[in-house]
Amino acid sequence: MTDSLPTTNSIQLSVNGKVANCPPQTLLPDYLQQIGMNPRLVAVEYNGEILHRQFWPETYLQTGDRLEIVTIVGGG
């Protein structure tokens, strides 16, 4: 007998207005690294709200999430 629950190996989300995919149960800091961004050098808006960095390690990405990722640039 086979398991009747659907299995999926990726979820769909929006990143800076574009469709993106990642594995289910991906934490935000892990996703940032997967797409080549240094988590220490970005700010993240998560579903319309600025997400404070202290919550990143407990934020699992889910289907339909909307991320806006902004790179922090130093200058003088």
Protein backbone atom coordinates (compact mmCIF):
# COMPACT_ATOMS: atom_id res chain seq x y z
CA MET A 1 0.00 0.00 0.00
CA THR A 2 1.37 3.43 -0.92
CA ASP A 3 1.18 6.59 1.11
CA SER A 4 -1.64 8.77 -0.20
CA LEU A 5 -0.10 12.06 0.93
CA PRO A 6 1.33 14.11 -1.92
CA THR A 7 5.06 14.59 -1.82
CA THR A 8 6.85 17.62 -3.14
CA ASN A 9 10.49 18.52 -3.28
CA SER A 10 10.06 22.27 -3.68
CA ILE A 11 7.80 25.12 -2.72
CA GLN A 12 7.09 28.27 -4.69
CA LEU A 13 7.54 31.77 -3.35
CA SER A 14 8.08 35.29 -4.61
CA VAL A 15 11.50 36.89 -4.21
CA ASN A 16 11.82 40.54 -5.25
CA GLY A 17 8.74 40.13 -7.45
CA LYS A 18 9.96 37.00 -9.25
CA VAL A 19 8.87 33.39 -8.83
CA ALA A 20 11.44 31.28 -6.95
CA ASN A 21 11.56 27.77 -5.56
CA CYS A 22 13.21 26.18 -2.56
CA PRO A 23 12.99 22.89 -0.65
CA PRO A 24 10.24 22.62 1.97
CA GLN A 25 11.27 23.39 5.56
CA THR A 26 14.00 25.81 4.44
CA LEU A 27 14.97 28.37 7.05
CA LEU A 28 15.33 31.97 5.88
CA PRO A 29 19.10 32.26 6.59
CA ASP A 30 19.72 28.99 4.73
CA TYR A 31 17.73 30.23 1.73
CA LEU A 32 19.69 33.47 1.63
CA GLN A 33 22.92 31.49 1.50
CA GLN A 34 21.50 29.15 -1.17
CA ILE A 35 20.87 32.13 -3.46
CA GLY A 36 24.35 33.52 -2.83
CA MET A 37 23.54 36.31 -0.41
CA ASN A 38 25.39 37.01 2.81
CA PRO A 39 22.69 37.11 5.51
CA ARG A 40 24.70 39.69 7.44
CA LEU A 41 24.53 42.14 4.54
CA VAL A 42 20.82 42.13 3.68
CA ALA A 43 17.50 43.32 5.07
CA VAL A 44 14.41 41.19 4.47
CA GLU A 45 10.76 42.11 4.12
CA TYR A 46 8.72 38.96 4.78
CA ASN A 47 5.10 38.98 3.58
CA GLY A 48 4.93 42.77 3.72
CA GLU A 49 6.68 43.27 7.07
CA ILE A 50 10.32 43.98 7.85
CA LEU A 51 11.47 40.82 9.62
CA HIS A 52 13.84 41.54 12.49
CA ARG A 53 17.02 39.50 12.24
CA GLN A 54 16.39 37.79 15.60
CA PHE A 55 13.43 35.93 14.04
CA TRP A 56 15.30 34.67 10.95
CA PRO A 57 16.56 31.41 12.55
CA GLU A 58 13.00 30.34 13.32
CA THR A 59 11.39 31.47 10.04
CA TYR A 60 10.63 28.54 7.73
CA LEU A 61 9.72 29.52 4.18
CA GLN A 62 6.31 28.35 3.01
CA THR A 63 4.46 28.20 -0.29
CA GLY A 64 3.24 31.64 -1.28
CA ASP A 65 5.62 33.62 0.94
CA ARG A 66 6.73 36.98 -0.44
CA LEU A 67 10.28 38.14 0.21
CA GLU A 68 11.84 41.46 -0.66
CA ILE A 69 15.59 41.26 -0.13
CA VAL A 70 17.63 44.45 -0.05
CA THR A 71 21.42 44.49 0.03
CA ILE A 72 22.94 46.82 2.58
CA VAL A 73 25.63 48.98 1.01
CA GLY A 74 28.14 50.93 3.06
CA GLY A 75 29.56 54.17 1.88
CA GLY A 76 30.85 57.49 2.91
